[in-house]
């Protein structure tokens, strides 16, 4: 899996910021699961965003999925609302 990502930075807990082969910015925890408690875990080059915590779609302050076409979907702990 790490062959698909280039590490940009890493914190003391092993959480990392990566760029994938498509140029998207991806935040992952030390287990290589999508994870970012401070913002979207995936920022796509087209402007779409996906919010994950420990590899589960999760957004308490708004939608967990925001697509560039305006579509939004709400999830909490991986469950669609």
C-alpha atoms as a PDB file:
ATOM      1  CA  UNK A   1       0.000   0.000   0.000  1.00  0.00           C
ATOM      2  CA  UNK A   2       2.800   2.445   0.781  1.00  0.00           C
ATOM      3  CA  UNK A   3       4.012   2.158  -2.831  1.00  0.00           C
ATOM      4  CA  UNK A   4       0.971   4.228  -3.806  1.00  0.00           C
ATOM      5  CA  UNK A   5       1.835   7.079  -1.412  1.00  0.00           C
ATOM      6  CA  UNK A   6       4.750   9.445  -0.908  1.00  0.00           C
ATOM      7  CA  UNK A   7       5.286  10.562   2.702  1.00  0.00           C
ATOM      8  CA  UNK A   8       5.340  14.356   3.072  1.00  0.00           C
ATOM      9  CA  UNK A   9       5.430  14.685   6.873  1.00  0.00           C
ATOM     10  CA  UNK A  10       4.928  12.604   9.993  1.00  0.00           C
ATOM     11  CA  UNK A  11       4.142  13.512  13.606  1.00  0.00           C
ATOM     12  CA  UNK A  12       5.551  11.956  16.788  1.00  0.00           C
ATOM     13  CA  UNK A  13       2.635   9.495  16.968  1.00  0.00           C
ATOM     14  CA  UNK A  14       3.275   8.085  13.485  1.00  0.00           C
ATOM     15  CA  UNK A  15       0.387   9.886  11.766  1.00  0.00           C
ATOM     16  CA  UNK A  16       1.454  10.959   8.302  1.00  0.00           C
ATOM     17  CA  UNK A  17       0.551  13.237   5.441  1.00  0.00           C
ATOM     18  CA  UNK A  18       0.983  11.624   2.019  1.00  0.00           C
ATOM     19  CA  UNK A  19       0.521  12.452  -1.634  1.00  0.00           C
ATOM     20  CA  UNK A  20      -0.923   9.640  -3.747  1.00  0.00           C
ATOM     21  CA  UNK A  21      -0.129   8.927  -7.400  1.00  0.00           C
ATOM     22  CA  UNK A  22      -3.072  11.096  -8.483  1.00  0.00           C
ATOM     23  CA  UNK A  23      -1.772  14.127  -6.569  1.00  0.00           C
ATOM     24  CA  UNK A  24      -4.385  13.887  -3.806  1.00  0.00           C
ATOM     25  CA  UNK A  25      -3.373  14.722  -0.225  1.00  0.00           C
ATOM     26  CA  UNK A  26      -4.044  11.852   2.180  1.00  0.00           C
ATOM     27  CA  UNK A  27      -3.773  11.804   5.982  1.00  0.00           C
ATOM     28  CA  UNK A  28      -3.225   8.399   7.638  1.00  0.00           C
ATOM     29  CA  UNK A  29      -2.558   7.042  11.087  1.00  0.00           C
ATOM     30  CA  UNK A  30       0.367   4.752  11.901  1.00  0.00           C
ATOM     31  CA  UNK A  31      -1.728   1.752  10.764  1.00  0.00           C
ATOM     32  CA  UNK A  32      -2.099   3.328   7.294  1.00  0.00           C
ATOM     33  CA  UNK A  33      -5.818   3.978   7.867  1.00  0.00           C
ATOM     34  CA  UNK A  34      -7.416   7.191   6.662  1.00  0.00           C
ATOM     35  CA  UNK A  35      -7.357   9.482   9.698  1.00  0.00           C
ATOM     36  CA  UNK A  36      -7.404  13.191  10.479  1.00  0.00           C
ATOM     37  CA  UNK A  37      -9.154  14.680  13.501  1.00  0.00           C
ATOM     38  CA  UNK A  38      -8.438  18.260  12.403  1.00  0.00           C
ATOM     39  CA  UNK A  39      -9.808  18.251   8.862  1.00  0.00           C
ATOM     40  CA  UNK A  40     -10.432  16.084   5.835  1.00  0.00           C
ATOM     41  CA  UNK A  41      -8.370  12.897   5.623  1.00  0.00           C
ATOM     42  CA  UNK A  42      -8.459  13.013   1.825  1.00  0.00           C
ATOM     43  CA  UNK A  43      -8.246  16.216  -0.205  1.00  0.00           C
ATOM     44  CA  UNK A  44      -8.729  15.438  -3.870  1.00  0.00           C
ATOM     45  CA  UNK A  45      -7.200  17.595  -6.591  1.00  0.00           C
ATOM     46  CA  UNK A  46     -10.715  18.368  -7.898  1.00  0.00           C
ATOM     47  CA  UNK A  47     -11.630  19.991  -4.543  1.00  0.00           C
ATOM     48  CA  UNK A  48     -13.598  17.055  -3.114  1.00  0.00           C
ATOM     49  CA  UNK A  49     -12.971  16.146   0.537  1.00  0.00           C
ATOM     50  CA  UNK A  50     -13.561  13.073   2.677  1.00  0.00           C
ATOM     51  CA  UNK A  51     -13.378  13.195   6.469  1.00  0.00           C
ATOM     52  CA  UNK A  52     -12.243  10.028   8.275  1.00  0.00           C
ATOM     53  CA  UNK A  53     -11.320   9.067  11.830  1.00  0.00           C
ATOM     54  CA  UNK A  54      -9.588   5.692  12.186  1.00  0.00           C
ATOM     55  CA  UNK A  55     -10.664   4.629   8.695  1.00  0.00           C
ATOM     56  CA  UNK A  56     -14.361   5.411   9.284  1.00  0.00           C
ATOM     57  CA  UNK A  57     -16.179   8.243   7.537  1.00  0.00           C
ATOM     58  CA  UNK A  58     -16.904  10.744  10.292  1.00  0.00           C
ATOM     59  CA  UNK A  59     -17.986  14.357  10.482  1.00  0.00           C
ATOM     60  CA  UNK A  60     -19.574  15.964  13.536  1.00  0.00           C
ATOM     61  CA  UNK A  61     -19.347  19.562  12.331  1.00  0.00           C
ATOM     62  CA  UNK A  62     -20.609  18.931   8.808  1.00  0.00           C
ATOM     63  CA  UNK A  63     -20.728  16.352   6.049  1.00  0.00           C
ATOM     64  CA  UNK A  64     -18.047  13.639   5.966  1.00  0.00           C
ATOM     65  CA  UNK A  65     -18.110  13.690   2.161  1.00  0.00           C
ATOM     66  CA  UNK A  66     -18.048  16.908   0.147  1.00  0.00           C
ATOM     67  CA  UNK A  67     -17.768  16.355  -3.578  1.00  0.00           C
ATOM     68  CA  UNK A  68     -16.665  19.063  -5.978  1.00  0.00           C
ATOM     69  CA  UNK A  69     -20.072  18.906  -7.711  1.00  0.00           C
ATOM     70  CA  UNK A  70     -21.777  20.017  -4.475  1.00  0.00           C
ATOM     71  CA  UNK A  71     -22.968  16.599  -3.311  1.00  0.00           C
ATOM     72  CA  UNK A  72     -22.662  16.131   0.463  1.00  0.00           C
ATOM     73  CA  UNK A  73     -23.112  13.058   2.659  1.00  0.00           C
ATOM     74  CA  UNK A  74     -23.180  12.874   6.445  1.00  0.00           C
ATOM     75  CA  UNK A  75     -21.577  10.049   8.440  1.00  0.00           C
ATOM     76  CA  UNK A  76     -20.767   9.435  12.095  1.00  0.00           C
ATOM     77  CA  UNK A  77     -18.373   6.622  13.004  1.00  0.00           C
ATOM     78  CA  UNK A  78     -18.870   5.072   9.573  1.00  0.00           C
ATOM     79  CA  UNK A  79     -22.674   5.079   9.680  1.00  0.00           C
ATOM     80  CA  UNK A  80     -24.570   7.081   7.070  1.00  0.00           C
ATOM     81  CA  UNK A  81     -27.120   9.456   8.573  1.00  0.00           C
END
